[in-house]
N, C-alpha and C. Protein backbone atom coordinates (compact mmCIF):
# COMPACT_ATOMS: atom_id res chain seq x y z
N ASN A 1 90.76 50.15 -164.75
CA ASN A 1 90.15 50.10 -166.07
C ASN A 1 89.50 48.73 -166.25
N LEU A 2 88.18 48.71 -166.21
CA LEU A 2 87.45 47.45 -166.28
C LEU A 2 86.82 47.28 -167.65
N ASP A 3 86.96 46.09 -168.20
CA ASP A 3 86.27 45.74 -169.44
C ASP A 3 85.08 44.90 -169.03
N MET A 4 83.89 45.48 -169.03
CA MET A 4 82.71 44.80 -168.52
C MET A 4 81.94 44.05 -169.61
N ALA A 5 82.44 44.08 -170.81
CA ALA A 5 81.74 43.40 -171.91
C ALA A 5 82.01 41.90 -171.85
N THR A 6 81.01 41.13 -172.21
CA THR A 6 81.21 39.69 -172.34
C THR A 6 81.12 39.32 -173.81
N TYR A 7 81.77 38.26 -174.17
CA TYR A 7 81.87 37.83 -175.56
C TYR A 7 80.95 36.64 -175.77
N ALA A 8 80.23 36.66 -176.85
CA ALA A 8 79.37 35.52 -177.18
C ALA A 8 79.62 35.10 -178.62
N LEU A 9 79.83 33.81 -178.80
CA LEU A 9 80.02 33.25 -180.13
C LEU A 9 78.68 33.24 -180.86
N ALA A 10 78.63 33.87 -182.01
CA ALA A 10 77.38 33.94 -182.78
C ALA A 10 77.49 32.98 -183.96
N ASP A 11 76.94 31.80 -183.79
CA ASP A 11 76.98 30.80 -184.85
C ASP A 11 75.72 30.87 -185.69
N GLN A 12 75.86 30.44 -186.92
CA GLN A 12 74.71 30.35 -187.80
C GLN A 12 74.13 28.95 -187.66
N VAL A 13 72.84 28.91 -187.36
CA VAL A 13 72.17 27.63 -187.16
C VAL A 13 72.26 26.79 -188.43
N GLY A 14 72.59 25.53 -188.26
CA GLY A 14 72.61 24.60 -189.37
C GLY A 14 73.89 24.60 -190.18
N THR A 15 74.90 25.39 -189.80
CA THR A 15 76.13 25.44 -190.58
C THR A 15 77.21 24.52 -189.99
N HIS A 16 76.93 23.91 -188.86
CA HIS A 16 77.91 23.03 -188.22
C HIS A 16 77.30 21.65 -188.00
N LYS A 17 78.12 20.65 -188.21
CA LYS A 17 77.71 19.29 -187.87
C LYS A 17 77.84 19.15 -186.36
N VAL A 18 76.80 18.69 -185.71
CA VAL A 18 76.83 18.53 -184.25
C VAL A 18 77.54 17.22 -183.94
N ASP A 19 78.83 17.36 -183.63
CA ASP A 19 79.63 16.22 -183.23
C ASP A 19 80.44 16.61 -181.99
N GLU A 20 81.27 15.71 -181.51
CA GLU A 20 82.05 15.99 -180.30
C GLU A 20 82.94 17.22 -180.45
N LYS A 21 83.52 17.39 -181.63
CA LYS A 21 84.39 18.54 -181.88
C LYS A 21 83.61 19.84 -181.74
N TYR A 22 82.41 19.89 -182.30
CA TYR A 22 81.60 21.09 -182.21
C TYR A 22 81.12 21.32 -180.77
N ILE A 23 80.72 20.25 -180.10
CA ILE A 23 80.29 20.38 -178.71
C ILE A 23 81.44 20.89 -177.85
N ASP A 24 82.66 20.43 -178.10
CA ASP A 24 83.83 20.92 -177.38
C ASP A 24 84.07 22.40 -177.66
N LEU A 25 83.85 22.82 -178.90
CA LEU A 25 84.01 24.23 -179.25
C LEU A 25 83.01 25.10 -178.48
N VAL A 26 81.77 24.65 -178.43
CA VAL A 26 80.74 25.40 -177.70
C VAL A 26 81.07 25.44 -176.21
N ALA A 27 81.49 24.31 -175.65
CA ALA A 27 81.88 24.26 -174.23
C ALA A 27 83.05 25.19 -173.95
N SER A 28 84.00 25.23 -174.87
CA SER A 28 85.15 26.12 -174.73
C SER A 28 84.72 27.58 -174.74
N ASN A 29 83.74 27.90 -175.58
CA ASN A 29 83.23 29.26 -175.64
C ASN A 29 82.58 29.65 -174.32
N PHE A 30 81.80 28.75 -173.74
CA PHE A 30 81.19 29.04 -172.44
C PHE A 30 82.27 29.22 -171.38
N ALA A 31 83.32 28.40 -171.44
CA ALA A 31 84.41 28.52 -170.47
C ALA A 31 85.11 29.88 -170.60
N THR A 32 85.29 30.34 -171.83
CA THR A 32 85.92 31.65 -172.05
C THR A 32 85.04 32.76 -171.49
N GLN A 33 83.74 32.66 -171.74
CA GLN A 33 82.82 33.67 -171.21
C GLN A 33 82.84 33.66 -169.68
N ARG A 34 82.86 32.45 -169.08
CA ARG A 34 82.88 32.33 -167.63
C ARG A 34 84.16 32.95 -167.08
N LYS A 35 85.27 32.68 -167.74
CA LYS A 35 86.55 33.23 -167.30
C LYS A 35 86.50 34.76 -167.31
N ASN A 36 85.90 35.35 -168.35
CA ASN A 36 85.79 36.80 -168.43
C ASN A 36 84.91 37.37 -167.32
N VAL A 37 83.78 36.72 -167.06
CA VAL A 37 82.89 37.20 -166.00
C VAL A 37 83.57 37.08 -164.64
N LEU A 38 84.23 35.96 -164.39
CA LEU A 38 84.93 35.78 -163.11
C LEU A 38 86.06 36.79 -162.94
N SER A 39 86.73 37.12 -164.03
CA SER A 39 87.77 38.15 -163.98
C SER A 39 87.15 39.50 -163.63
N ASN A 40 86.01 39.80 -164.23
CA ASN A 40 85.32 41.05 -163.91
C ASN A 40 84.93 41.10 -162.43
N ILE A 41 84.45 39.99 -161.91
CA ILE A 41 84.07 39.93 -160.50
C ILE A 41 85.29 40.17 -159.61
N ALA A 42 86.40 39.53 -159.94
CA ALA A 42 87.63 39.72 -159.17
C ALA A 42 88.08 41.18 -159.21
N ASP A 43 88.02 41.78 -160.39
CA ASP A 43 88.40 43.20 -160.53
C ASP A 43 87.48 44.09 -159.70
N LEU A 44 86.20 43.79 -159.73
CA LEU A 44 85.25 44.59 -158.96
C LEU A 44 85.48 44.45 -157.46
N ARG A 45 85.85 43.27 -157.00
CA ARG A 45 86.17 43.09 -155.57
C ARG A 45 87.33 43.99 -155.17
N GLU A 46 88.32 44.05 -156.04
CA GLU A 46 89.47 44.93 -155.76
C GLU A 46 89.04 46.41 -155.75
N GLN A 47 88.19 46.77 -156.70
CA GLN A 47 87.71 48.15 -156.76
C GLN A 47 86.91 48.50 -155.51
N ILE A 48 86.12 47.55 -155.00
CA ILE A 48 85.36 47.77 -153.78
C ILE A 48 86.30 48.03 -152.61
N LYS A 49 87.37 47.24 -152.54
CA LYS A 49 88.36 47.43 -151.46
C LYS A 49 89.02 48.80 -151.53
N MET A 50 89.23 49.28 -152.75
CA MET A 50 89.94 50.56 -152.94
C MET A 50 89.01 51.76 -152.99
N ALA A 51 87.70 51.54 -152.93
CA ALA A 51 86.75 52.64 -153.03
C ALA A 51 87.00 53.66 -151.92
N GLU A 52 86.94 54.92 -152.31
CA GLU A 52 87.20 55.99 -151.35
C GLU A 52 85.94 56.53 -150.68
N THR A 53 84.79 56.29 -151.29
CA THR A 53 83.53 56.77 -150.72
C THR A 53 82.53 55.62 -150.68
N ASP A 54 81.53 55.77 -149.83
CA ASP A 54 80.46 54.77 -149.77
C ASP A 54 79.70 54.70 -151.09
N GLU A 55 79.52 55.85 -151.73
CA GLU A 55 78.82 55.89 -153.02
C GLU A 55 79.58 55.10 -154.08
N GLU A 56 80.87 55.30 -154.11
CA GLU A 56 81.72 54.58 -155.06
C GLU A 56 81.66 53.07 -154.77
N LYS A 57 81.74 52.71 -153.51
CA LYS A 57 81.67 51.31 -153.11
C LYS A 57 80.33 50.70 -153.54
N GLU A 58 79.24 51.42 -153.35
CA GLU A 58 77.91 50.94 -153.74
C GLU A 58 77.82 50.71 -155.24
N ILE A 59 78.40 51.59 -156.01
CA ILE A 59 78.39 51.45 -157.48
C ILE A 59 79.10 50.16 -157.89
N TYR A 60 80.26 49.91 -157.31
CA TYR A 60 81.00 48.69 -157.63
C TYR A 60 80.25 47.45 -157.14
N GLN A 61 79.59 47.54 -156.00
CA GLN A 61 78.82 46.40 -155.49
C GLN A 61 77.64 46.09 -156.42
N GLN A 62 77.00 47.13 -156.93
CA GLN A 62 75.90 46.91 -157.88
C GLN A 62 76.42 46.28 -159.17
N ALA A 63 77.57 46.75 -159.63
CA ALA A 63 78.16 46.17 -160.83
C ALA A 63 78.51 44.70 -160.59
N MET A 64 79.00 44.38 -159.39
CA MET A 64 79.34 43.00 -159.08
C MET A 64 78.07 42.14 -159.05
N LYS A 65 76.98 42.66 -158.53
CA LYS A 65 75.72 41.91 -158.54
C LYS A 65 75.30 41.60 -159.98
N CYS A 66 75.49 42.57 -160.87
CA CYS A 66 75.17 42.35 -162.29
C CYS A 66 76.03 41.24 -162.88
N GLU A 67 77.30 41.24 -162.56
CA GLU A 67 78.20 40.20 -163.06
C GLU A 67 77.84 38.83 -162.49
N ILE A 68 77.46 38.79 -161.23
CA ILE A 68 77.04 37.52 -160.62
C ILE A 68 75.78 37.01 -161.32
N ASN A 69 74.85 37.91 -161.61
CA ASN A 69 73.64 37.51 -162.35
C ASN A 69 74.00 37.03 -163.75
N ALA A 70 74.96 37.69 -164.38
CA ALA A 70 75.41 37.26 -165.71
C ALA A 70 76.02 35.86 -165.63
N LEU A 71 76.75 35.58 -164.57
CA LEU A 71 77.35 34.25 -164.39
C LEU A 71 76.27 33.19 -164.21
N LYS A 72 75.25 33.50 -163.42
CA LYS A 72 74.14 32.56 -163.23
C LYS A 72 73.44 32.28 -164.56
N LYS A 73 73.19 33.34 -165.32
CA LYS A 73 72.53 33.19 -166.62
C LYS A 73 73.41 32.37 -167.58
N LEU A 74 74.70 32.65 -167.58
CA LEU A 74 75.63 31.91 -168.42
C LEU A 74 75.61 30.42 -168.07
N ASN A 75 75.64 30.10 -166.78
CA ASN A 75 75.61 28.70 -166.35
C ASN A 75 74.32 28.02 -166.80
N LYS A 76 73.21 28.72 -166.67
CA LYS A 76 71.92 28.15 -167.10
C LYS A 76 71.91 27.94 -168.61
N ASN A 77 72.38 28.95 -169.36
CA ASN A 77 72.42 28.82 -170.82
C ASN A 77 73.34 27.69 -171.26
N GLU A 78 74.45 27.53 -170.57
CA GLU A 78 75.36 26.44 -170.91
C GLU A 78 74.68 25.09 -170.68
N ASP A 79 74.00 24.96 -169.56
CA ASP A 79 73.33 23.70 -169.26
C ASP A 79 72.31 23.36 -170.34
N VAL A 80 71.49 24.33 -170.69
CA VAL A 80 70.46 24.12 -171.73
C VAL A 80 71.12 23.80 -173.07
N SER A 81 72.12 24.58 -173.44
CA SER A 81 72.79 24.38 -174.73
C SER A 81 73.46 23.02 -174.83
N MET A 82 74.17 22.64 -173.78
CA MET A 82 74.88 21.37 -173.83
C MET A 82 73.91 20.19 -173.88
N LYS A 83 72.81 20.28 -173.12
CA LYS A 83 71.80 19.21 -173.18
C LYS A 83 71.21 19.13 -174.59
N SER A 84 70.90 20.27 -175.18
CA SER A 84 70.33 20.29 -176.53
C SER A 84 71.30 19.75 -177.56
N LEU A 85 72.55 20.19 -177.48
CA LEU A 85 73.55 19.72 -178.45
C LEU A 85 73.78 18.22 -178.33
N ASN A 86 73.85 17.73 -177.11
CA ASN A 86 74.06 16.29 -176.92
C ASN A 86 72.86 15.50 -177.43
N ALA A 87 71.66 16.01 -177.23
CA ALA A 87 70.46 15.34 -177.74
C ALA A 87 70.47 15.34 -179.27
N MET A 88 70.86 16.47 -179.87
CA MET A 88 70.94 16.56 -181.34
C MET A 88 71.98 15.58 -181.88
N LYS A 89 73.12 15.51 -181.21
CA LYS A 89 74.18 14.59 -181.63
C LYS A 89 73.70 13.15 -181.56
N ASP A 90 73.01 12.82 -180.48
CA ASP A 90 72.48 11.46 -180.32
C ASP A 90 71.46 11.15 -181.42
N ASP A 91 70.58 12.11 -181.72
CA ASP A 91 69.59 11.92 -182.79
C ASP A 91 70.26 11.71 -184.14
N LEU A 92 71.31 12.50 -184.40
CA LEU A 92 72.04 12.37 -185.67
C LEU A 92 72.70 11.00 -185.77
N GLU A 93 73.26 10.53 -184.68
CA GLU A 93 73.90 9.22 -184.68
C GLU A 93 72.89 8.12 -184.94
N LEU A 94 71.71 8.24 -184.32
CA LEU A 94 70.66 7.24 -184.57
C LEU A 94 70.20 7.28 -186.02
N ALA A 95 70.05 8.49 -186.56
CA ALA A 95 69.61 8.63 -187.95
C ALA A 95 70.65 8.04 -188.90
N GLU A 96 71.94 8.28 -188.60
CA GLU A 96 73.00 7.72 -189.45
C GLU A 96 73.01 6.19 -189.39
N GLU A 97 72.58 5.63 -188.27
CA GLU A 97 72.52 4.17 -188.13
C GLU A 97 71.22 3.62 -188.71
N GLY A 98 70.34 4.51 -189.14
CA GLY A 98 69.07 4.09 -189.72
C GLY A 98 68.02 3.71 -188.70
N LYS A 99 68.25 4.11 -187.44
CA LYS A 99 67.30 3.80 -186.38
C LYS A 99 66.28 4.93 -186.25
N PRO A 100 65.04 4.60 -185.88
CA PRO A 100 64.03 5.66 -185.70
C PRO A 100 64.38 6.55 -184.51
N LEU A 101 64.01 7.82 -184.62
CA LEU A 101 64.29 8.78 -183.54
C LEU A 101 63.28 8.67 -182.43
């Protein structure tokens, strides 16, 4: 029994102060999503080993390719998000200090 759904935190833009605590929350969310995808991949590997037919094995292999692609996309999204959040945090700190952006 595989749960192939991934969870994504849906935040409302502008409702959170971009600080270390918020950045840690976002990073934690990405880590949770990564853990779920990696668990799905591990489960699919086991299903491939237990497959009784070539057709069944191919289906699980295709599902695993989808999960691997989801992991790649998640990693890319995390990189972009974390760079953006850190830049926003830096800009806010400069603004609070009265320095030009």
